[in-house]
Amino acid sequence: MRLGITLNRIGNAWQVTHLPSVPLADQLADFKAKQVAGGFTADETLVVSLSDTLKRHAKKASAPEPVVEGEESPKAKKKS
């Protein structure tokens, strides 16, 4: 039996949905059921087996990329 873990991200916090004590096949079945029903409530959901990400769902409206102060934009660099 393969072991895995299911994680949900809401904002900057990650929560464990399924621990490795839940068979990986059951975790993947739960993921597929949510995918079919559109039942993802988290911003991102990951199903991981060992070090491999098997399934991933991320909402399109995720947090914007952070802006680093003092860094020039690519357009400003091209003009120089």
PDB file of N, CA and C in Angstrom:
ATOM      1  N   MET A   1       0.852  -1.179   0.000  1.00  0.00           N
ATOM      2  CA  MET A   1       0.000   0.000   0.000  1.00  0.00           C
ATOM      3  C   MET A   1       0.898   1.242   0.000  1.00  0.00           C
ATOM      4  N   ARG A   2       0.654   2.155  -0.957  1.00  0.00           N
ATOM      5  CA  ARG A   2       1.421   3.396  -1.025  1.00  0.00           C
ATOM      6  C   ARG A   2       0.843   4.409  -0.044  1.00  0.00           C
ATOM      7  N   LEU A   3       1.738   5.151   0.570  1.00  0.00           N
ATOM      8  CA  LEU A   3       1.333   6.172   1.524  1.00  0.00           C
ATOM      9  C   LEU A   3       1.450   7.536   0.889  1.00  0.00           C
ATOM     10  N   GLY A   4       0.629   8.449   1.342  1.00  0.00           N
ATOM     11  CA  GLY A   4       0.655   9.808   0.831  1.00  0.00           C
ATOM     12  C   GLY A   4       0.063  10.759   1.849  1.00  0.00           C
ATOM     13  N   ILE A   5       0.025  12.015   1.461  1.00  0.00           N
ATOM     14  CA  ILE A   5      -0.529  13.052   2.326  1.00  0.00           C
ATOM     15  C   ILE A   5      -1.231  14.071   1.429  1.00  0.00           C
ATOM     16  N   THR A   6      -2.348  14.609   1.899  1.00  0.00           N
ATOM     17  CA  THR A   6      -3.076  15.639   1.165  1.00  0.00           C
ATOM     18  C   THR A   6      -3.008  16.932   1.964  1.00  0.00           C
ATOM     19  N   LEU A   7      -2.586  18.008   1.290  1.00  0.00           N
ATOM     20  CA  LEU A   7      -2.432  19.314   1.930  1.00  0.00           C
ATOM     21  C   LEU A   7      -3.324  20.335   1.241  1.00  0.00           C
ATOM     22  N   ASN A   8      -3.879  21.245   2.020  1.00  0.00           N
ATOM     23  CA  ASN A   8      -4.663  22.367   1.496  1.00  0.00           C
ATOM     24  C   ASN A   8      -4.022  23.670   1.938  1.00  0.00           C
ATOM     25  N   ARG A   9      -3.952  24.634   1.003  1.00  0.00           N
ATOM     26  CA  ARG A   9      -3.436  25.959   1.339  1.00  0.00           C
ATOM     27  C   ARG A   9      -4.575  26.954   1.263  1.00  0.00           C
ATOM     28  N   ILE A  10      -4.740  27.707   2.334  1.00  0.00           N
ATOM     29  CA  ILE A  10      -5.696  28.808   2.373  1.00  0.00           C
ATOM     30  C   ILE A  10      -4.893  30.033   2.796  1.00  0.00           C
ATOM     31  N   GLY A  11      -4.703  30.948   1.855  1.00  0.00           N
ATOM     32  CA  GLY A  11      -3.841  32.103   2.116  1.00  0.00           C
ATOM     33  C   GLY A  11      -2.403  31.643   2.231  1.00  0.00           C
ATOM     34  N   ASN A  12      -1.760  31.946   3.342  1.00  0.00           N
ATOM     35  CA  ASN A  12      -0.369  31.540   3.553  1.00  0.00           C
ATOM     36  C   ASN A  12      -0.246  30.316   4.460  1.00  0.00           C
ATOM     37  N   ALA A  13      -1.366  29.756   4.895  1.00  0.00           N
ATOM     38  CA  ALA A  13      -1.346  28.641   5.831  1.00  0.00           C
ATOM     39  C   ALA A  13      -1.667  27.324   5.129  1.00  0.00           C
ATOM     40  N   TRP A  14      -0.906  26.288   5.451  1.00  0.00           N
ATOM     41  CA  TRP A  14      -1.143  24.945   4.922  1.00  0.00           C
ATOM     42  C   TRP A  14      -1.792  24.100   6.007  1.00  0.00           C
ATOM     43  N   GLN A  15      -2.753  23.282   5.611  1.00  0.00           N
ATOM     44  CA  GLN A  15      -3.413  22.363   6.544  1.00  0.00           C
ATOM     45  C   GLN A  15      -3.361  20.960   5.961  1.00  0.00           C
ATOM     46  N   VAL A  16      -3.205  19.967   6.827  1.00  0.00           N
ATOM     47  CA  VAL A  16      -3.204  18.577   6.405  1.00  0.00           C
ATOM     48  C   VAL A  16      -4.645  18.100   6.363  1.00  0.00           C
ATOM     49  N   THR A  17      -5.063  17.589   5.191  1.00  0.00           N
ATOM     50  CA  THR A  17      -6.412  17.046   5.050  1.00  0.00           C
ATOM     51  C   THR A  17      -6.412  15.550   5.325  1.00  0.00           C
ATOM     52  N   HIS A  18      -5.449  14.844   4.745  1.00  0.00           N
ATOM     53  CA  HIS A  18      -5.326  13.398   4.956  1.00  0.00           C
ATOM     54  C   HIS A  18      -3.900  13.080   5.380  1.00  0.00           C
ATOM     55  N   LEU A  19      -3.764  12.342   6.460  1.00  0.00           N
ATOM     56  CA  LEU A  19      -2.462  11.868   6.929  1.00  0.00           C
ATOM     57  C   LEU A  19      -2.106  10.574   6.197  1.00  0.00           C
ATOM     58  N   PRO A  20      -0.848  10.133   6.295  1.00  0.00           N
ATOM     59  CA  PRO A  20      -0.456   8.886   5.637  1.00  0.00           C
ATOM     60  C   PRO A  20      -1.222   7.656   6.125  1.00  0.00           C
ATOM     61  N   SER A  21      -1.946   7.777   7.233  1.00  0.00           N
ATOM     62  CA  SER A  21      -2.743   6.643   7.712  1.00  0.00           C
ATOM     63  C   SER A  21      -3.931   6.363   6.790  1.00  0.00           C
ATOM     64  N   VAL A  22      -4.324   7.342   5.966  1.00  0.00           N
ATOM     65  CA  VAL A  22      -5.389   7.144   4.973  1.00  0.00           C
ATOM     66  C   VAL A  22      -4.723   6.626   3.702  1.00  0.00           C
ATOM     67  N   PRO A  23      -5.163   5.494   3.155  1.00  0.00           N
ATOM     68  CA  PRO A  23      -4.542   4.952   1.951  1.00  0.00           C
ATOM     69  C   PRO A  23      -4.526   5.977   0.818  1.00  0.00           C
ATOM     70  N   LEU A  24      -3.433   5.982   0.053  1.00  0.00           N
ATOM     71  CA  LEU A  24      -3.270   6.940  -1.034  1.00  0.00           C
ATOM     72  C   LEU A  24      -4.395   6.820  -2.053  1.00  0.00           C
ATOM     73  N   ALA A  25      -4.853   5.610  -2.322  1.00  0.00           N
ATOM     74  CA  ALA A  25      -5.952   5.420  -3.279  1.00  0.00           C
ATOM     75  C   ALA A  25      -7.201   6.166  -2.814  1.00  0.00           C
ATOM     76  N   ASP A  26      -7.484   6.154  -1.511  1.00  0.00           N
ATOM     77  CA  ASP A  26      -8.636   6.879  -0.967  1.00  0.00           C
ATOM     78  C   ASP A  26      -8.442   8.388  -1.085  1.00  0.00           C
ATOM     79  N   GLN A  27      -7.206   8.862  -0.882  1.00  0.00           N
ATOM     80  CA  GLN A  27      -6.917  10.288  -1.009  1.00  0.00           C
ATOM     81  C   GLN A  27      -7.119  10.749  -2.452  1.00  0.00           C
ATOM     82  N   LEU A  28      -6.640   9.941  -3.407  1.00  0.00           N
ATOM     83  CA  LEU A  28      -6.803  10.289  -4.811  1.00  0.00           C
ATOM     84  C   LEU A  28      -8.271  10.234  -5.233  1.00  0.00           C
ATOM     85  N   ALA A  29      -9.024   9.276  -4.686  1.00  0.00           N
ATOM     86  CA  ALA A  29     -10.455   9.190  -4.986  1.00  0.00           C
ATOM     87  C   ALA A  29     -11.190  10.410  -4.448  1.00  0.00           C
ATOM     88  N   ASP A  30     -10.811  10.873  -3.258  1.00  0.00           N
ATOM     89  CA  ASP A  30     -11.417  12.068  -2.673  1.00  0.00           C
ATOM     90  C   ASP A  30     -11.081  13.299  -3.517  1.00  0.00           C
ATOM     91  N   PHE A  31      -9.834  13.402  -3.983  1.00  0.00           N
ATOM     92  CA  PHE A  31      -9.421  14.503  -4.850  1.00  0.00           C
ATOM     93  C   PHE A  31     -10.250  14.511  -6.128  1.00  0.00           C
ATOM     94  N   LYS A  32     -10.394  13.340  -6.752  1.00  0.00           N
ATOM     95  CA  LYS A  32     -11.141  13.238  -8.008  1.00  0.00           C
ATOM     96  C   LYS A  32     -12.607  13.608  -7.788  1.00  0.00           C
ATOM     97  N   ALA A  33     -13.201  13.178  -6.677  1.00  0.00           N
ATOM     98  CA  ALA A  33     -14.596  13.507  -6.387  1.00  0.00           C
ATOM     99  C   ALA A  33     -14.777  15.020  -6.240  1.00  0.00           C
ATOM    100  N   LYS A  34     -13.839  15.676  -5.555  1.00  0.00           N
ATOM    101  CA  LYS A  34     -13.909  17.129  -5.406  1.00  0.00           C
ATOM    102  C   LYS A  34     -13.706  17.815  -6.747  1.00  0.00           C
ATOM    103  N   GLN A  35     -12.823  17.253  -7.583  1.00  0.00           N
ATOM    104  CA  GLN A  35     -12.561  17.824  -8.901  1.00  0.00           C
ATOM    105  C   GLN A  35     -13.808  17.760  -9.776  1.00  0.00           C
ATOM    106  N   VAL A  36     -14.498  16.633  -9.754  1.00  0.00           N
ATOM    107  CA  VAL A  36     -15.707  16.452 -10.558  1.00  0.00           C
ATOM    108  C   VAL A  36     -16.835  17.348 -10.052  1.00  0.00           C
ATOM    109  N   ALA A  37     -16.967  17.439  -8.721  1.00  0.00           N
ATOM    110  CA  ALA A  37     -18.057  18.213  -8.129  1.00  0.00           C
ATOM    111  C   ALA A  37     -17.730  19.703  -8.011  1.00  0.00           C
ATOM    112  N   GLY A  38     -16.482  20.082  -8.277  1.00  0.00           N
ATOM    113  CA  GLY A  38     -16.083  21.482  -8.091  1.00  0.00           C
ATOM    114  C   GLY A  38     -16.062  21.855  -6.622  1.00  0.00           C
ATOM    115  N   GLY A  39     -15.705  20.918  -5.769  1.00  0.00           N
ATOM    116  CA  GLY A  39     -15.781  21.122  -4.332  1.00  0.00           C
ATOM    117  C   GLY A  39     -14.500  21.559  -3.659  1.00  0.00           C
ATOM    118  N   PHE A  40     -13.580  22.193  -4.394  1.00  0.00           N
ATOM    119  CA  PHE A  40     -12.351  22.667  -3.773  1.00  0.00           C
ATOM    120  C   PHE A  40     -12.636  23.982  -3.053  1.00  0.00           C
ATOM    121  N   THR A  41     -12.422  24.005  -1.745  1.00  0.00           N
ATOM    122  CA  THR A  41     -12.650  25.221  -0.971  1.00  0.00           C
ATOM    123  C   THR A  41     -11.340  25.927  -0.646  1.00  0.00           C
ATOM    124  N   ALA A  42     -10.211  25.241  -0.792  1.00  0.00           N
ATOM    125  CA  ALA A  42      -8.908  25.832  -0.502  1.00  0.00           C
ATOM    126  C   ALA A  42      -8.370  26.518  -1.750  1.00  0.00           C
ATOM    127  N   ASP A  43      -7.397  27.413  -1.551  1.00  0.00           N
ATOM    128  CA  ASP A  43      -6.739  28.080  -2.669  1.00  0.00           C
ATOM    129  C   ASP A  43      -5.917  27.088  -3.492  1.00  0.00           C
ATOM    130  N   GLU A  44      -5.363  26.089  -2.820  1.00  0.00           N
ATOM    131  CA  GLU A  44      -4.529  25.106  -3.502  1.00  0.00           C
ATOM    132  C   GLU A  44      -4.627  23.794  -2.744  1.00  0.00           C
ATOM    133  N   THR A  45      -4.655  22.686  -3.470  1.00  0.00           N
ATOM    134  CA  THR A  45      -4.699  21.358  -2.871  1.00  0.00           C
ATOM    135  C   THR A  45      -3.610  20.513  -3.502  1.00  0.00           C
ATOM    136  N   LEU A  46      -2.815  19.836  -2.677  1.00  0.00           N
ATOM    137  CA  LEU A  46      -1.756  18.961  -3.157  1.00  0.00           C
ATOM    138  C   LEU A  46      -1.951  17.567  -2.602  1.00  0.00           C
ATOM    139  N   VAL A  47      -1.783  16.549  -3.460  1.00  0.00           N
ATOM    140  CA  VAL A  47      -1.740  15.158  -3.023  1.00  0.00           C
ATOM    141  C   VAL A  47      -0.326  14.681  -3.311  1.00  0.00           C
ATOM    142  N   VAL A  48       0.404  14.300  -2.276  1.00  0.00           N
ATOM    143  CA  VAL A  48       1.818  13.979  -2.404  1.00  0.00           C
ATOM    144  C   VAL A  48       2.079  12.554  -1.945  1.00  0.00           C
ATOM    145  N   SER A  49       2.870  11.812  -2.735  1.00  0.00           N
ATOM    146  CA  SER A  49       3.321  10.479  -2.365  1.00  0.00           C
ATOM    147  C   SER A  49       4.835  10.518  -2.289  1.00  0.00           C
ATOM    148  N   LEU A  50       5.382  10.192  -1.146  1.00  0.00           N
ATOM    149  CA  LEU A  50       6.821  10.296  -0.907  1.00  0.00           C
ATOM    150  C   LEU A  50       7.272  11.703  -1.300  1.00  0.00           C
ATOM    151  N   SER A  51       8.068  11.868  -2.339  1.00  0.00           N
ATOM    152  CA  SER A  51       8.488  13.213  -2.716  1.00  0.00           C
ATOM    153  C   SER A  51       7.862  13.645  -4.033  1.00  0.00           C
ATOM    154  N   ASP A  52       6.869  12.916  -4.515  1.00  0.00           N
ATOM    155  CA  ASP A  52       6.237  13.230  -5.797  1.00  0.00           C
ATOM    156  C   ASP A  52       4.873  13.870  -5.592  1.00  0.00           C
ATOM    157  N   THR A  53       4.619  14.979  -6.289  1.00  0.00           N
ATOM    158  CA  THR A  53       3.297  15.579  -6.285  1.00  0.00           C
ATOM    159  C   THR A  53       2.467  14.859  -7.328  1.00  0.00           C
ATOM    160  N   LEU A  54       1.414  14.190  -6.906  1.00  0.00           N
ATOM    161  CA  LEU A  54       0.591  13.405  -7.813  1.00  0.00           C
ATOM    162  C   LEU A  54      -0.534  14.230  -8.416  1.00  0.00           C
ATOM    163  N   LYS A  55      -1.207  14.999  -7.591  1.00  0.00           N
ATOM    164  CA  LYS A  55      -2.339  15.801  -8.048  1.00  0.00           C
ATOM    165  C   LYS A  55      -2.215  17.188  -7.459  1.00  0.00           C
ATOM    166  N   ARG A  56      -2.643  18.187  -8.248  1.00  0.00           N
ATOM    167  CA  ARG A  56      -2.579  19.557  -7.758  1.00  0.00           C
ATOM    168  C   ARG A  56      -3.744  20.343  -8.330  1.00  0.00           C
ATOM    169  N   HIS A  57      -4.371  21.131  -7.485  1.00  0.00           N
ATOM    170  CA  HIS A  57      -5.418  22.054  -7.911  1.00  0.00           C
ATOM    171  C   HIS A  57      -5.110  23.402  -7.294  1.00  0.00           C
ATOM    172  N   ALA A  58      -5.070  24.441  -8.105  1.00  0.00           N
ATOM    173  CA  ALA A  58      -4.846  25.797  -7.597  1.00  0.00           C
ATOM    174  C   ALA A  58      -5.849  26.728  -8.247  1.00  0.00           C
ATOM    175  N   LYS A  59      -6.470  27.576  -7.426  1.00  0.00           N
ATOM    176  CA  LYS A  59      -7.399  28.564  -7.960  1.00  0.00           C
ATOM    177  C   LYS A  59      -6.620  29.573  -8.789  1.00  0.00           C
ATOM    178  N   LYS A  60      -7.229  30.083  -9.846  1.00  0.00           N
ATOM    179  CA  LYS A  60      -6.543  31.018 -10.734  1.00  0.00           C
ATOM    180  C   LYS A  60      -6.309  32.364 -10.062  1.00  0.00           C
ATOM    181  N   ALA A  61      -7.153  32.767  -9.159  1.00  0.00           N
ATOM    182  CA  ALA A  61      -7.015  34.064  -8.491  1.00  0.00           C
ATOM    183  C   ALA A  61      -6.168  33.900  -7.234  1.00  0.00           C
ATOM    184  N   SER A  62      -4.889  33.572  -7.413  1.00  0.00           N
ATOM    185  CA  SER A  62      -4.007  33.414  -6.266  1.00  0.00           C
ATOM    186  C   SER A  62      -3.377  34.756  -5.912  1.00  0.00           C
ATOM    187  N   ALA A  63      -2.614  34.764  -4.870  1.00  0.00           N
ATOM    188  CA  ALA A  63      -1.993  36.003  -4.385  1.00  0.00           C
ATOM    189  C   ALA A  63      -1.048  36.554  -5.443  1.00  0.00           C
ATOM    190  N   PRO A  64      -1.000  37.884  -5.587  1.00  0.00           N
ATOM    191  CA  PRO A  64      -0.104  38.488  -6.578  1.00  0.00           C
ATOM    192  C   PRO A  64       1.360  38.294  -6.195  1.00  0.00           C
ATOM    193  N   GLU A  65       2.223  38.331  -7.195  1.00  0.00           N
ATOM    194  CA  GLU A  65       3.662  38.210  -6.953  1.00  0.00           C
ATOM    195  C   GLU A  65       4.139  39.393  -6.116  1.00  0.00           C
ATOM    196  N   PRO A  66       4.990  39.158  -5.113  1.00  0.00           N
ATOM    197  CA  PRO A  66       5.491  40.277  -4.316  1.00  0.00           C
ATOM    198  C   PRO A  66       6.415  41.156  -5.152  1.00  0.00           C
ATOM    199  N   VAL A  67       6.347  42.455  -4.920  1.00  0.00           N
ATOM    200  CA  VAL A  67       7.179  43.406  -5.632  1.00  0.00           C
ATOM    201  C   VAL A  67       8.387  43.720  -4.763  1.00  0.00           C
ATOM    202  N   VAL A  68       9.569  43.565  -5.334  1.00  0.00           N
ATOM    203  CA  VAL A  68      10.798  43.844  -4.592  1.00  0.00           C
ATOM    204  C   VAL A  68      11.187  45.290  -4.853  1.00  0.00           C
ATOM    205  N   GLU A  69      11.315  46.077  -3.779  1.00  0.00           N
ATOM    206  CA  GLU A  69      11.656  47.482  -3.930  1.00  0.00           C
ATOM    207  C   GLU A  69      13.112  47.626  -4.358  1.00  0.00           C
ATOM    208  N   GLY A  70      13.368  48.627  -5.169  1.00  0.00           N
ATOM    209  CA  GLY A  70      14.726  48.873  -5.618  1.00  0.00           C
ATOM    210  C   GLY A  70      15.096  48.081  -6.864  1.00  0.00           C
ATOM    211  N   GLU A  71      14.236  47.210  -7.308  1.00  0.00           N
ATOM    212  CA  GLU A  71      14.512  46.419  -8.498  1.00  0.00           C
ATOM    213  C   GLU A  71      13.841  47.080  -9.693  1.00  0.00           C
ATOM    214  N   GLU A  72      14.584  47.266 -10.768  1.00  0.00           N
ATOM    215  CA  GLU A  72      14.038  47.916 -11.941  1.00  0.00           C
ATOM    216  C   GLU A  72      13.186  46.932 -12.733  1.00  0.00           C
ATOM    217  N   SER A  73      12.216  47.473 -13.426  1.00  0.00           N
ATOM    218  CA  SER A  73      11.374  46.626 -14.265  1.00  0.00           C
ATOM    219  C   SER A  73      12.163  46.238 -15.520  1.00  0.00           C
ATOM    220  N   PRO A  74      11.803  45.137 -16.194  1.00  0.00           N
ATOM    221  CA  PRO A  74      12.509  44.722 -17.406  1.00  0.00           C
ATOM    222  C   PRO A  74      12.465  45.793 -18.494  1.00  0.00           C
ATOM    223  N   LYS A  75      11.379  46.560 -18.605  1.00  0.00           N
ATOM    224  CA  LYS A  75      11.280  47.608 -19.610  1.00  0.00           C
ATOM    225  C   LYS A  75      12.304  48.708 -19.344  1.00  0.00           C
ATOM    226  N   ALA A  76      12.498  49.068 -18.077  1.00  0.00           N
ATOM    227  CA  ALA A  76      13.447  50.122 -17.730  1.00  0.00           C
ATOM    228  C   ALA A  76      14.866  49.681 -18.044  1.00  0.00           C
ATOM    229  N   LYS A  77      15.174  48.397 -17.884  1.00  0.00           N
ATOM    230  CA  LYS A  77      16.503  47.885 -18.172  1.00  0.00           C
ATOM    231  C   LYS A  77      16.786  47.931 -19.675  1.00  0.00           C
ATOM    232  N   LYS A  78      15.773  47.661 -20.505  1.00  0.00           N
ATOM    233  CA  LYS A  78      15.968  47.640 -21.940  1.00  0.00           C
ATOM    234  C   LYS A  78      16.250  49.042 -22.494  1.00  0.00           C
ATOM    235  N   LYS A  79      15.650  50.058 -21.888  1.00  0.00           N
ATOM    236  CA  LYS A  79      15.826  51.436 -22.361  1.00  0.00           C
ATOM    237  C   LYS A  79      17.240  51.940 -22.104  1.00  0.00           C
ATOM    238  N   SER A  80      17.920  51.407 -21.089  1.00  0.00           N
ATOM    239  CA  SER A  80      19.250  51.891 -20.713  1.00  0.00           C
ATOM    240  C   SER A  80      20.283  51.608 -21.784  1.00  0.00           C
TER     241      SER A  80
END
